């Protein structure tokens, strides 16, 4: 049903916003880690952010498909 699709897309959109916020927080922490000599940990955080970015794109694509159906 269209209303179910809208509700699903809206919920996914909120999750996507949360994902962006988490990524921004990790980015801030990564900068701090890099500046304070924890380069290996910062590198791991960058890898986590890359995963968040890939998944964010997949979520965005799914939201668009749901909204178009």
PDB file of N, CA and C in Angstrom:
ATOM      1  N   UNK A   1       0.829  -1.176   0.000  1.00  0.00           N
ATOM      2  CA  UNK A   1       0.000   0.000   0.000  1.00  0.00           C
ATOM      3  C   UNK A   1       0.878   1.247   0.000  1.00  0.00           C
ATOM      4  N   UNK A   2       0.414   2.308  -0.635  1.00  0.00           N
ATOM      5  CA  UNK A   2       1.203   3.540  -0.684  1.00  0.00           C
ATOM      6  C   UNK A   2       1.515   4.109   0.697  1.00  0.00           C
ATOM      7  N   UNK A   3       0.553   4.059   1.616  1.00  0.00           N
ATOM      8  CA  UNK A   3       0.814   4.631   2.944  1.00  0.00           C
ATOM      9  C   UNK A   3       1.871   3.812   3.693  1.00  0.00           C
ATOM     10  N   UNK A   4       1.893   2.488   3.468  1.00  0.00           N
ATOM     11  CA  UNK A   4       2.937   1.657   4.071  1.00  0.00           C
ATOM     12  C   UNK A   4       4.298   2.026   3.506  1.00  0.00           C
ATOM     13  N   UNK A   5       4.343   2.270   2.201  1.00  0.00           N
ATOM     14  CA  UNK A   5       5.604   2.663   1.578  1.00  0.00           C
ATOM     15  C   UNK A   5       6.097   4.000   2.115  1.00  0.00           C
ATOM     16  N   UNK A   6       5.179   4.917   2.306  1.00  0.00           N
ATOM     17  CA  UNK A   6       5.558   6.231   2.839  1.00  0.00           C
ATOM     18  C   UNK A   6       6.102   6.085   4.256  1.00  0.00           C
ATOM     19  N   UNK A   7       5.431   5.297   5.062  1.00  0.00           N
ATOM     20  CA  UNK A   7       5.886   5.086   6.441  1.00  0.00           C
ATOM     21  C   UNK A   7       7.250   4.415   6.469  1.00  0.00           C
ATOM     22  N   UNK A   8       7.450   3.437   5.609  1.00  0.00           N
ATOM     23  CA  UNK A   8       8.741   2.753   5.536  1.00  0.00           C
ATOM     24  C   UNK A   8       9.826   3.715   5.086  1.00  0.00           C
ATOM     25  N   UNK A   9       9.552   4.482   4.048  1.00  0.00           N
ATOM     26  CA  UNK A   9      10.531   5.447   3.548  1.00  0.00           C
ATOM     27  C   UNK A   9      10.837   6.504   4.600  1.00  0.00           C
ATOM     28  N   UNK A  10       9.828   6.947   5.314  1.00  0.00           N
ATOM     29  CA  UNK A  10      10.044   7.940   6.365  1.00  0.00           C
ATOM     30  C   UNK A  10      10.930   7.375   7.483  1.00  0.00           C
ATOM     31  N   UNK A  11      10.673   6.121   7.872  1.00  0.00           N
ATOM     32  CA  UNK A  11      11.482   5.489   8.917  1.00  0.00           C
ATOM     33  C   UNK A  11      12.924   5.319   8.447  1.00  0.00           C
ATOM     34  N   UNK A  12      13.096   4.882   7.217  1.00  0.00           N
ATOM     35  CA  UNK A  12      14.448   4.742   6.678  1.00  0.00           C
ATOM     36  C   UNK A  12      15.162   6.086   6.586  1.00  0.00           C
ATOM     37  N   UNK A  13      14.422   7.121   6.268  1.00  0.00           N
ATOM     38  CA  UNK A  13      15.007   8.461   6.196  1.00  0.00           C
ATOM     39  C   UNK A  13      15.526   8.892   7.568  1.00  0.00           C
ATOM     40  N   UNK A  14      14.766   8.611   8.611  1.00  0.00           N
ATOM     41  CA  UNK A  14      15.217   8.941   9.964  1.00  0.00           C
ATOM     42  C   UNK A  14      16.466   8.146  10.334  1.00  0.00           C
ATOM     43  N   UNK A  15      16.491   6.879   9.972  1.00  0.00           N
ATOM     44  CA  UNK A  15      17.678   6.063  10.224  1.00  0.00           C
ATOM     45  C   UNK A  15      18.884   6.597   9.455  1.00  0.00           C
ATOM     46  N   UNK A  16      18.644   7.053   8.239  1.00  0.00           N
ATOM     47  CA  UNK A  16      19.721   7.631   7.444  1.00  0.00           C
ATOM     48  C   UNK A  16      20.259   8.899   8.100  1.00  0.00           C
ATOM     49  N   UNK A  17      19.368   9.732   8.623  1.00  0.00           N
ATOM     50  CA  UNK A  17      19.806  10.936   9.333  1.00  0.00           C
ATOM     51  C   UNK A  17      20.649  10.554  10.553  1.00  0.00           C
ATOM     52  N   UNK A  18      20.226   9.512  11.268  1.00  0.00           N
ATOM     53  CA  UNK A  18      21.007   9.038  12.413  1.00  0.00           C
ATOM     54  C   UNK A  18      22.379   8.560  11.961  1.00  0.00           C
ATOM     55  N   UNK A  19      22.415   7.863  10.850  1.00  0.00           N
ATOM     56  CA  UNK A  19      23.674   7.349  10.329  1.00  0.00           C
ATOM     57  C   UNK A  19      24.627   8.502   9.982  1.00  0.00           C
ATOM     58  N   UNK A  20      24.084   9.550   9.376  1.00  0.00           N
ATOM     59  CA  UNK A  20      24.909  10.721   9.061  1.00  0.00           C
ATOM     60  C   UNK A  20      25.439  11.374  10.340  1.00  0.00           C
ATOM     61  N   UNK A  21      24.610  11.436  11.363  1.00  0.00           N
ATOM     62  CA  UNK A  21      25.037  12.029  12.634  1.00  0.00           C
ATOM     63  C   UNK A  21      26.137  11.192  13.282  1.00  0.00           C
ATOM     64  N   UNK A  22      25.988   9.889  13.240  1.00  0.00           N
ATOM     65  CA  UNK A  22      27.016   9.001  13.786  1.00  0.00           C
ATOM     66  C   UNK A  22      28.327   9.179  13.035  1.00  0.00           C
ATOM     67  N   UNK A  23      28.243   9.272  11.728  1.00  0.00           N
ATOM     68  CA  UNK A  23      29.432   9.461  10.911  1.00  0.00           C
ATOM     69  C   UNK A  23      30.116  10.789  11.259  1.00  0.00           C
ATOM     70  N   UNK A  24      29.344  11.823  11.444  1.00  0.00           N
ATOM     71  CA  UNK A  24      29.914  13.129  11.802  1.00  0.00           C
ATOM     72  C   UNK A  24      30.614  13.059  13.152  1.00  0.00           C
ATOM     73  N   UNK A  25      30.020  12.341  14.095  1.00  0.00           N
ATOM     74  CA  UNK A  25      30.642  12.199  15.416  1.00  0.00           C
ATOM     75  C   UNK A  25      31.944  11.414  15.314  1.00  0.00           C
ATOM     76  N   UNK A  26      31.938  10.343  14.543  1.00  0.00           N
ATOM     77  CA  UNK A  26      33.158   9.550  14.359  1.00  0.00           C
ATOM     78  C   UNK A  26      34.230  10.397  13.682  1.00  0.00           C
ATOM     79  N   UNK A  27      33.819  11.231  12.743  1.00  0.00           N
ATOM     80  CA  UNK A  27      34.784  12.096  12.061  1.00  0.00           C
ATOM     81  C   UNK A  27      35.452  13.058  13.047  1.00  0.00           C
ATOM     82  N   UNK A  28      34.656  13.631  13.937  1.00  0.00           N
ATOM     83  CA  UNK A  28      35.216  14.534  14.949  1.00  0.00           C
ATOM     84  C   UNK A  28      36.207  13.799  15.842  1.00  0.00           C
ATOM     85  N   UNK A  29      35.849  12.616  16.266  1.00  0.00           N
ATOM     86  CA  UNK A  29      36.725  11.821  17.120  1.00  0.00           C
ATOM     87  C   UNK A  29      37.990  11.428  16.362  1.00  0.00           C
ATOM     88  N   UNK A  30      37.840  11.108  15.084  1.00  0.00           N
ATOM     89  CA  UNK A  30      38.996  10.728  14.260  1.00  0.00           C
ATOM     90  C   UNK A  30      40.004  11.865  14.170  1.00  0.00           C
ATOM     91  N   UNK A  31      39.520  13.074  13.989  1.00  0.00           N
ATOM     92  CA  UNK A  31      40.420  14.233  13.943  1.00  0.00           C
ATOM     93  C   UNK A  31      41.170  14.350  15.266  1.00  0.00           C
ATOM     94  N   UNK A  32      40.457  14.226  16.352  1.00  0.00           N
ATOM     95  CA  UNK A  32      41.088  14.326  17.669  1.00  0.00           C
ATOM     96  C   UNK A  32      42.124  13.227  17.849  1.00  0.00           C
ATOM     97  N   UNK A  33      41.776  12.006  17.468  1.00  0.00           N
ATOM     98  CA  UNK A  33      42.720  10.892  17.591  1.00  0.00           C
ATOM     99  C   UNK A  33      43.978  11.138  16.776  1.00  0.00           C
ATOM    100  N   UNK A  34      43.794  11.609  15.555  1.00  0.00           N
ATOM    101  CA  UNK A  34      44.943  11.892  14.684  1.00  0.00           C
ATOM    102  C   UNK A  34      45.850  12.955  15.289  1.00  0.00           C
ATOM    103  N   UNK A  35      45.251  13.977  15.860  1.00  0.00           N
ATOM    104  CA  UNK A  35      46.020  15.080  16.449  1.00  0.00           C
ATOM    105  C   UNK A  35      46.704  14.686  17.754  1.00  0.00           C
ATOM    106  N   UNK A  36      46.260  13.591  18.350  1.00  0.00           N
ATOM    107  CA  UNK A  36      46.804  13.182  19.645  1.00  0.00           C
ATOM    108  C   UNK A  36      47.575  11.863  19.574  1.00  0.00           C
ATOM    109  N   UNK A  37      48.076  11.545  18.397  1.00  0.00           N
ATOM    110  CA  UNK A  37      48.999  10.433  18.257  1.00  0.00           C
ATOM    111  C   UNK A  37      48.409   9.047  18.207  1.00  0.00           C
ATOM    112  N   UNK A  38      47.129   8.937  17.995  1.00  0.00           N
ATOM    113  CA  UNK A  38      46.499   7.615  17.914  1.00  0.00           C
ATOM    114  C   UNK A  38      46.142   7.299  16.465  1.00  0.00           C
ATOM    115  N   UNK A  39      47.156   7.322  15.619  1.00  0.00           N
ATOM    116  CA  UNK A  39      46.939   7.162  14.180  1.00  0.00           C
ATOM    117  C   UNK A  39      46.290   5.857  13.784  1.00  0.00           C
ATOM    118  N   UNK A  40      46.667   4.762  14.425  1.00  0.00           N
ATOM    119  CA  UNK A  40      46.086   3.459  14.071  1.00  0.00           C
ATOM    120  C   UNK A  40      44.593   3.442  14.392  1.00  0.00           C
ATOM    121  N   UNK A  41      44.255   3.973  15.537  1.00  0.00           N
ATOM    122  CA  UNK A  41      42.845   4.035  15.924  1.00  0.00           C
ATOM    123  C   UNK A  41      42.085   4.957  14.968  1.00  0.00           C
ATOM    124  N   UNK A  42      42.697   6.063  14.601  1.00  0.00           N
ATOM    125  CA  UNK A  42      42.072   6.991  13.652  1.00  0.00           C
ATOM    126  C   UNK A  42      41.847   6.310  12.309  1.00  0.00           C
ATOM    127  N   UNK A  43      42.827   5.510  11.875  1.00  0.00           N
ATOM    128  CA  UNK A  43      42.662   4.773  10.615  1.00  0.00           C
ATOM    129  C   UNK A  43      41.483   3.810  10.690  1.00  0.00           C
ATOM    130  N   UNK A  44      41.318   3.158  11.825  1.00  0.00           N
ATOM    131  CA  UNK A  44      40.174   2.248  11.999  1.00  0.00           C
ATOM    132  C   UNK A  44      38.856   3.016  11.959  1.00  0.00           C
ATOM    133  N   UNK A  45      38.857   4.201  12.540  1.00  0.00           N
ATOM    134  CA  UNK A  45      37.648   5.024  12.516  1.00  0.00           C
ATOM    135  C   UNK A  45      37.318   5.463  11.096  1.00  0.00           C
ATOM    136  N   UNK A  46      38.342   5.780  10.317  1.00  0.00           N
ATOM    137  CA  UNK A  46      38.116   6.146   8.911  1.00  0.00           C
ATOM    138  C   UNK A  46      37.495   4.967   8.165  1.00  0.00           C
ATOM    139  N   UNK A  47      37.967   3.764   8.427  1.00  0.00           N
ATOM    140  CA  UNK A  47      37.383   2.579   7.787  1.00  0.00           C
ATOM    141  C   UNK A  47      35.914   2.422   8.169  1.00  0.00           C
ATOM    142  N   UNK A  48      35.593   2.707   9.419  1.00  0.00           N
ATOM    143  CA  UNK A  48      34.192   2.632   9.857  1.00  0.00           C
ATOM    144  C   UNK A  48      33.345   3.669   9.132  1.00  0.00           C
ATOM    145  N   UNK A  49      33.897   4.870   8.963  1.00  0.00           N
ATOM    146  CA  UNK A  49      33.155   5.926   8.253  1.00  0.00           C
ATOM    147  C   UNK A  49      32.929   5.541   6.789  1.00  0.00           C
ATOM    148  N   UNK A  50      33.903   4.876   6.185  1.00  0.00           N
ATOM    149  CA  UNK A  50      33.734   4.440   4.801  1.00  0.00           C
ATOM    150  C   UNK A  50      32.587   3.437   4.688  1.00  0.00           C
ATOM    151  N   UNK A  51      32.484   2.542   5.660  1.00  0.00           N
ATOM    152  CA  UNK A  51      31.370   1.594   5.684  1.00  0.00           C
ATOM    153  C   UNK A  51      30.044   2.323   5.841  1.00  0.00           C
ATOM    154  N   UNK A  52      30.006   3.308   6.733  1.00  0.00           N
ATOM    155  CA  UNK A  52      28.784   4.100   6.914  1.00  0.00           C
ATOM    156  C   UNK A  52      28.393   4.805   5.616  1.00  0.00           C
ATOM    157  N   UNK A  53      29.383   5.329   4.902  1.00  0.00           N
ATOM    158  CA  UNK A  53      29.097   6.014   3.637  1.00  0.00           C
ATOM    159  C   UNK A  53      28.516   5.065   2.595  1.00  0.00           C
ATOM    160  N   UNK A  54      29.114   3.889   2.472  1.00  0.00           N
ATOM    161  CA  UNK A  54      28.606   2.901   1.508  1.00  0.00           C
ATOM    162  C   UNK A  54      27.177   2.510   1.864  1.00  0.00           C
ATOM    163  N   UNK A  55      26.955   2.238   3.139  1.00  0.00           N
ATOM    164  CA  UNK A  55      25.613   1.835   3.562  1.00  0.00           C
ATOM    165  C   UNK A  55      24.616   2.983   3.441  1.00  0.00           C
ATOM    166  N   UNK A  56      25.058   4.200   3.671  1.00  0.00           N
ATOM    167  CA  UNK A  56      24.168   5.347   3.521  1.00  0.00           C
ATOM    168  C   UNK A  56      23.690   5.466   2.083  1.00  0.00           C
ATOM    169  N   UNK A  57      24.570   5.214   1.149  1.00  0.00           N
ATOM    170  CA  UNK A  57      24.169   5.267  -0.261  1.00  0.00           C
ATOM    171  C   UNK A  57      23.148   4.185  -0.577  1.00  0.00           C
ATOM    172  N   UNK A  58      23.356   2.990  -0.050  1.00  0.00           N
ATOM    173  CA  UNK A  58      22.404   1.904  -0.275  1.00  0.00           C
ATOM    174  C   UNK A  58      21.042   2.222   0.348  1.00  0.00           C
ATOM    175  N   UNK A  59      21.057   2.816   1.535  1.00  0.00           N
ATOM    176  CA  UNK A  59      19.800   3.204   2.183  1.00  0.00           C
ATOM    177  C   UNK A  59      19.106   4.288   1.364  1.00  0.00           C
ATOM    178  N   UNK A  60      19.867   5.252   0.878  1.00  0.00           N
ATOM    179  CA  UNK A  60      19.299   6.319   0.049  1.00  0.00           C
ATOM    180  C   UNK A  60      18.647   5.732  -1.199  1.00  0.00           C
ATOM    181  N   UNK A  61      19.334   4.806  -1.847  1.00  0.00           N
ATOM    182  CA  UNK A  61      18.777   4.156  -3.040  1.00  0.00           C
ATOM    183  C   UNK A  61      17.478   3.417  -2.716  1.00  0.00           C
ATOM    184  N   UNK A  62      17.457   2.729  -1.582  1.00  0.00           N
ATOM    185  CA  UNK A  62      16.251   2.000  -1.180  1.00  0.00           C
ATOM    186  C   UNK A  62      15.098   2.963  -0.900  1.00  0.00           C
ATOM    187  N   UNK A  63      15.400   4.072  -0.240  1.00  0.00           N
ATOM    188  CA  UNK A  63      14.360   5.068   0.045  1.00  0.00           C
ATOM    189  C   UNK A  63      13.759   5.579  -1.260  1.00  0.00           C
ATOM    190  N   UNK A  64      14.613   5.879  -2.213  1.00  0.00           N
ATOM    191  CA  UNK A  64      14.124   6.380  -3.504  1.00  0.00           C
ATOM    192  C   UNK A  64      13.249   5.335  -4.206  1.00  0.00           C
ATOM    193  N   UNK A  65      13.683   4.076  -4.180  1.00  0.00           N
ATOM    194  CA  UNK A  65      12.870   3.020  -4.816  1.00  0.00           C
ATOM    195  C   UNK A  65      11.520   2.878  -4.134  1.00  0.00           C
ATOM    196  N   UNK A  66      11.507   2.931  -2.806  1.00  0.00           N
ATOM    197  CA  UNK A  66      10.246   2.807  -2.059  1.00  0.00           C
ATOM    198  C   UNK A  66       9.336   3.988  -2.373  1.00  0.00           C
ATOM    199  N   UNK A  67       9.890   5.180  -2.383  1.00  0.00           N
ATOM    200  CA  UNK A  67       9.062   6.364  -2.648  1.00  0.00           C
ATOM    201  C   UNK A  67       8.509   6.368  -4.070  1.00  0.00           C
ATOM    202  N   UNK A  68       9.201   5.734  -5.003  1.00  0.00           N
ATOM    203  CA  UNK A  68       8.747   5.694  -6.384  1.00  0.00           C
ATOM    204  C   UNK A  68       7.735   4.588  -6.639  1.00  0.00           C
ATOM    205  N   UNK A  69       7.620   3.641  -5.695  1.00  0.00           N
ATOM    206  CA  UNK A  69       6.684   2.521  -5.915  1.00  0.00           C
ATOM    207  C   UNK A  69       5.277   2.848  -5.459  1.00  0.00           C
TER     208      UNK A  69
END
